[in-house]
Amino acid sequence: MPFIKYTSKDVDLMARMMRAEAVGEGRIGMLSVGNVIVNRAKADCLDFTDVRTAREVIYQVQGGNYSFEAVQKGSMFYRPARETERRLARKNLKYWRRHPSKYSLWYFNPYGPCPSTWYGQPFTGQYKNHCFYEPAAGTCASVY
């Protein structure tokens, strides 16, 4: 049973986002980005009460900007998905979870050490250049 409902178009879109955000971090890096997308669709808390699909998560606008930088600036995001990334996206949508992104709702590449919190949310770990953050305890039970 999948973590969230999805279509083949969702798989394609998610695959493009995973590649655009983390291709330089390999398979695990792309899967980690996919965790965050799925977690946001599952979350019914904080900034994610009105997104339930991968498409809604990827195109969500917060503070006047898309939540994911690749949607605004990423030429790689607008290239067709490859089967390699589609397989990874399906894996995320069906079952894949791993620390540090297992319950994360946020990640970013700080070009330096990962801060212990990001917008008040605790740091859960780092994979290559990306720092991952999950909701503070007791604020988002739907992610866990």
C-alpha atoms as a PDB file:
ATOM      1  CA  MET A   1       0.000   0.000   0.000  1.00  0.00           C
ATOM      2  CA  PRO A   2       1.460   3.384  -0.957  1.00  0.00           C
ATOM      3  CA  PHE A   3       2.123   6.120   1.572  1.00  0.00           C
ATOM      4  CA  ILE A   4       0.123   8.582  -0.555  1.00  0.00           C
ATOM      5  CA  LYS A   5      -2.087   8.153  -3.618  1.00  0.00           C
ATOM      6  CA  TYR A   6      -0.342   8.807  -6.901  1.00  0.00           C
ATOM      7  CA  THR A   7      -0.629   8.633 -10.663  1.00  0.00           C
ATOM      8  CA  SER A   8       2.004   8.035 -13.326  1.00  0.00           C
ATOM      9  CA  LYS A   9       2.137  11.824 -13.819  1.00  0.00           C
ATOM     10  CA  ASP A  10       2.963  12.207 -10.091  1.00  0.00           C
ATOM     11  CA  VAL A  11       5.775   9.664 -10.461  1.00  0.00           C
ATOM     12  CA  ASP A  12       7.180  11.581 -13.434  1.00  0.00           C
ATOM     13  CA  LEU A  13       6.971  14.949 -11.661  1.00  0.00           C
ATOM     14  CA  MET A  14       8.495  13.602  -8.470  1.00  0.00           C
ATOM     15  CA  ALA A  15      11.304  11.934 -10.439  1.00  0.00           C
ATOM     16  CA  ARG A  16      12.113  15.258 -12.098  1.00  0.00           C
ATOM     17  CA  MET A  17      12.163  17.040  -8.729  1.00  0.00           C
ATOM     18  CA  MET A  18      14.350  14.396  -7.089  1.00  0.00           C
ATOM     19  CA  ARG A  19      16.880  14.627  -9.921  1.00  0.00           C
ATOM     20  CA  ALA A  20      16.842  18.438 -10.010  1.00  0.00           C
ATOM     21  CA  GLU A  21      17.375  18.754  -6.270  1.00  0.00           C
ATOM     22  CA  ALA A  22      19.855  15.952  -5.615  1.00  0.00           C
ATOM     23  CA  VAL A  23      21.318  14.258  -8.696  1.00  0.00           C
ATOM     24  CA  GLY A  24      24.819  15.092  -7.473  1.00  0.00           C
ATOM     25  CA  GLU A  25      24.128  13.186  -4.267  1.00  0.00           C
ATOM     26  CA  GLY A  26      23.302   9.915  -5.965  1.00  0.00           C
ATOM     27  CA  ARG A  27      20.527   7.447  -5.390  1.00  0.00           C
ATOM     28  CA  ILE A  28      20.247   7.914  -1.595  1.00  0.00           C
ATOM     29  CA  GLY A  29      20.295  11.705  -1.956  1.00  0.00           C
ATOM     30  CA  MET A  30      17.447  11.601  -4.472  1.00  0.00           C
ATOM     31  CA  LEU A  31      15.477   9.143  -2.322  1.00  0.00           C
ATOM     32  CA  SER A  32      15.971  11.460   0.663  1.00  0.00           C
ATOM     33  CA  VAL A  33      14.440  14.359  -1.285  1.00  0.00           C
ATOM     34  CA  GLY A  34      11.580  12.029  -2.213  1.00  0.00           C
ATOM     35  CA  ASN A  35      11.004  11.297   1.491  1.00  0.00           C
ATOM     36  CA  VAL A  36      10.430  14.982   2.128  1.00  0.00           C
ATOM     37  CA  ILE A  37       7.921  15.235  -0.735  1.00  0.00           C
ATOM     38  CA  VAL A  38       5.931  12.229   0.526  1.00  0.00           C
ATOM     39  CA  ASN A  39       6.143  13.413   4.154  1.00  0.00           C
ATOM     40  CA  ARG A  40       4.735  16.825   3.235  1.00  0.00           C
ATOM     41  CA  ALA A  41       1.813  15.175   1.429  1.00  0.00           C
ATOM     42  CA  LYS A  42       1.156  12.999   4.514  1.00  0.00           C
ATOM     43  CA  ALA A  43       1.514  15.875   6.981  1.00  0.00           C
ATOM     44  CA  ASP A  44      -1.639  17.550   8.200  1.00  0.00           C
ATOM     45  CA  CYS A  45       0.116  20.237  10.182  1.00  0.00           C
ATOM     46  CA  LEU A  46       2.224  23.370  10.049  1.00  0.00           C
ATOM     47  CA  ASP A  47       2.549  24.664   6.448  1.00  0.00           C
ATOM     48  CA  PHE A  48       1.266  21.431   4.922  1.00  0.00           C
ATOM     49  CA  THR A  49      -2.445  21.247   5.783  1.00  0.00           C
ATOM     50  CA  ASP A  50      -3.576  21.868   2.212  1.00  0.00           C
ATOM     51  CA  VAL A  51      -1.252  19.619   0.176  1.00  0.00           C
ATOM     52  CA  ARG A  52      -2.086  15.942  -0.305  1.00  0.00           C
ATOM     53  CA  THR A  53      -0.429  14.944  -3.572  1.00  0.00           C
ATOM     54  CA  ALA A  54       3.124  15.064  -4.896  1.00  0.00           C
ATOM     55  CA  ARG A  55       1.994  17.686  -7.439  1.00  0.00           C
ATOM     56  CA  GLU A  56       0.497  19.931  -4.735  1.00  0.00           C
ATOM     57  CA  VAL A  57       3.658  19.610  -2.645  1.00  0.00           C
ATOM     58  CA  ILE A  58       6.026  20.359  -5.522  1.00  0.00           C
ATOM     59  CA  TYR A  59       4.081  23.386  -6.746  1.00  0.00           C
ATOM     60  CA  GLN A  60       3.214  24.737  -3.289  1.00  0.00           C
ATOM     61  CA  VAL A  61       3.880  28.462  -2.929  1.00  0.00           C
ATOM     62  CA  GLN A  62       5.011  29.814   0.432  1.00  0.00           C
ATOM     63  CA  GLY A  63       5.908  33.451   1.044  1.00  0.00           C
ATOM     64  CA  GLY A  64       5.405  34.283  -2.625  1.00  0.00           C
ATOM     65  CA  ASN A  65       7.864  31.631  -3.881  1.00  0.00           C
ATOM     66  CA  TYR A  66       7.692  27.976  -4.769  1.00  0.00           C
ATOM     67  CA  SER A  67       8.761  25.811  -1.826  1.00  0.00           C
ATOM     68  CA  PHE A  68      11.377  24.030  -3.935  1.00  0.00           C
ATOM     69  CA  GLU A  69      14.036  26.169  -5.560  1.00  0.00           C
ATOM     70  CA  ALA A  70      14.286  23.849  -8.575  1.00  0.00           C
ATOM     71  CA  VAL A  71      10.748  24.811  -9.698  1.00  0.00           C
ATOM     72  CA  GLN A  72      11.803  28.457  -9.965  1.00  0.00           C
ATOM     73  CA  LYS A  73      15.377  28.169 -11.169  1.00  0.00           C
ATOM     74  CA  GLY A  74      16.047  24.583 -12.082  1.00  0.00           C
ATOM     75  CA  SER A  75      16.468  23.935 -15.763  1.00  0.00           C
ATOM     76  CA  MET A  76      17.041  20.300 -14.798  1.00  0.00           C
ATOM     77  CA  PHE A  77      13.515  20.153 -13.305  1.00  0.00           C
ATOM     78  CA  TYR A  78      12.027  20.967 -16.688  1.00  0.00           C
ATOM     79  CA  ARG A  79      13.809  18.152 -18.531  1.00  0.00           C
ATOM     80  CA  PRO A  80      11.943  14.869 -19.071  1.00  0.00           C
ATOM     81  CA  ALA A  81      12.178  12.289 -16.305  1.00  0.00           C
ATOM     82  CA  ARG A  82      14.413   9.280 -16.828  1.00  0.00           C
ATOM     83  CA  GLU A  83      13.410   5.736 -15.909  1.00  0.00           C
ATOM     84  CA  THR A  84      16.134   5.584 -13.251  1.00  0.00           C
ATOM     85  CA  GLU A  85      14.545   8.446 -11.299  1.00  0.00           C
ATOM     86  CA  ARG A  86      11.020   7.135 -11.932  1.00  0.00           C
ATOM     87  CA  ARG A  87      12.003   3.872 -10.225  1.00  0.00           C
ATOM     88  CA  LEU A  88      13.318   5.847  -7.256  1.00  0.00           C
ATOM     89  CA  ALA A  89      10.141   7.952  -7.090  1.00  0.00           C
ATOM     90  CA  ARG A  90       7.948   4.827  -7.116  1.00  0.00           C
ATOM     91  CA  LYS A  91      10.120   3.370  -4.361  1.00  0.00           C
ATOM     92  CA  ASN A  92       9.498   6.476  -2.217  1.00  0.00           C
ATOM     93  CA  LEU A  93       5.784   6.479  -2.925  1.00  0.00           C
ATOM     94  CA  LYS A  94       5.452   2.810  -1.999  1.00  0.00           C
ATOM     95  CA  TYR A  95       7.623   2.323   1.054  1.00  0.00           C
ATOM     96  CA  TRP A  96      11.200   3.717   1.204  1.00  0.00           C
ATOM     97  CA  ARG A  97      12.145   5.561   4.414  1.00  0.00           C
ATOM     98  CA  ARG A  98      15.602   6.171   5.863  1.00  0.00           C
ATOM     99  CA  HIS A  99      17.351   8.431   8.325  1.00  0.00           C
ATOM    100  CA  PRO A 100      17.965  11.389   8.199  1.00  0.00           C
ATOM    101  CA  SER A 101      14.940  12.140   5.987  1.00  0.00           C
ATOM    102  CA  LYS A 102      12.602   9.471   7.363  1.00  0.00           C
ATOM    103  CA  TYR A 103      10.281  12.008   9.052  1.00  0.00           C
ATOM    104  CA  SER A 104      11.738  15.223   7.626  1.00  0.00           C
ATOM    105  CA  LEU A 105       9.609  17.989   6.175  1.00  0.00           C
ATOM    106  CA  TRP A 106      12.506  20.254   5.209  1.00  0.00           C
ATOM    107  CA  TYR A 107      15.995  20.111   3.775  1.00  0.00           C
ATOM    108  CA  PHE A 108      18.465  22.567   2.388  1.00  0.00           C
ATOM    109  CA  ASN A 109      22.078  22.900   1.323  1.00  0.00           C
ATOM    110  CA  PRO A 110      23.679  25.544   3.554  1.00  0.00           C
ATOM    111  CA  TYR A 111      27.103  25.560   1.851  1.00  0.00           C
ATOM    112  CA  GLY A 112      28.545  25.175   5.352  1.00  0.00           C
ATOM    113  CA  PRO A 113      27.778  23.338   8.588  1.00  0.00           C
ATOM    114  CA  CYS A 114      24.163  22.378   9.225  1.00  0.00           C
ATOM    115  CA  PRO A 115      22.494  24.624  11.811  1.00  0.00           C
ATOM    116  CA  SER A 116      21.017  22.813  14.836  1.00  0.00           C
ATOM    117  CA  THR A 117      17.574  24.195  13.939  1.00  0.00           C
ATOM    118  CA  TRP A 118      16.005  25.645  10.832  1.00  0.00           C
ATOM    119  CA  TYR A 119      12.995  27.914  11.284  1.00  0.00           C
ATOM    120  CA  GLY A 120      12.708  26.453  14.774  1.00  0.00           C
ATOM    121  CA  GLN A 121      12.657  22.823  13.624  1.00  0.00           C
ATOM    122  CA  PRO A 122      15.278  20.341  14.884  1.00  0.00           C
ATOM    123  CA  PHE A 123      18.122  19.017  12.752  1.00  0.00           C
ATOM    124  CA  THR A 124      17.867  15.257  12.208  1.00  0.00           C
ATOM    125  CA  GLY A 125      20.993  14.658  10.176  1.00  0.00           C
ATOM    126  CA  GLN A 126      22.889  15.293   7.001  1.00  0.00           C
ATOM    127  CA  TYR A 127      23.331  13.354   3.789  1.00  0.00           C
ATOM    128  CA  LYS A 128      26.225  14.684   1.737  1.00  0.00           C
ATOM    129  CA  ASN A 129      25.437  18.395   1.258  1.00  0.00           C
ATOM    130  CA  HIS A 130      21.812  18.421   2.418  1.00  0.00           C
ATOM    131  CA  CYS A 131      20.714  19.062   5.999  1.00  0.00           C
ATOM    132  CA  PHE A 132      17.372  17.512   7.042  1.00  0.00           C
ATOM    133  CA  TYR A 133      14.872  18.792   9.611  1.00  0.00           C
ATOM    134  CA  GLU A 134      11.776  17.182  11.064  1.00  0.00           C
ATOM    135  CA  PRO A 135       8.938  18.777  13.025  1.00  0.00           C
ATOM    136  CA  ALA A 136       9.540  19.616  16.661  1.00  0.00           C
ATOM    137  CA  ALA A 137       8.204  16.957  19.038  1.00  0.00           C
ATOM    138  CA  GLY A 138       4.439  17.048  19.448  1.00  0.00           C
ATOM    139  CA  THR A 139       3.765  19.394  16.504  1.00  0.00           C
ATOM    140  CA  CYS A 140       3.012  17.001  13.653  1.00  0.00           C
ATOM    141  CA  ALA A 141       1.934  13.495  14.610  1.00  0.00           C
ATOM    142  CA  SER A 142       0.718  12.754  11.045  1.00  0.00           C
ATOM    143  CA  VAL A 143       4.301  12.559   9.779  1.00  0.00           C
ATOM    144  CA  TYR A 144       5.335   9.758  12.128  1.00  0.00           C
END
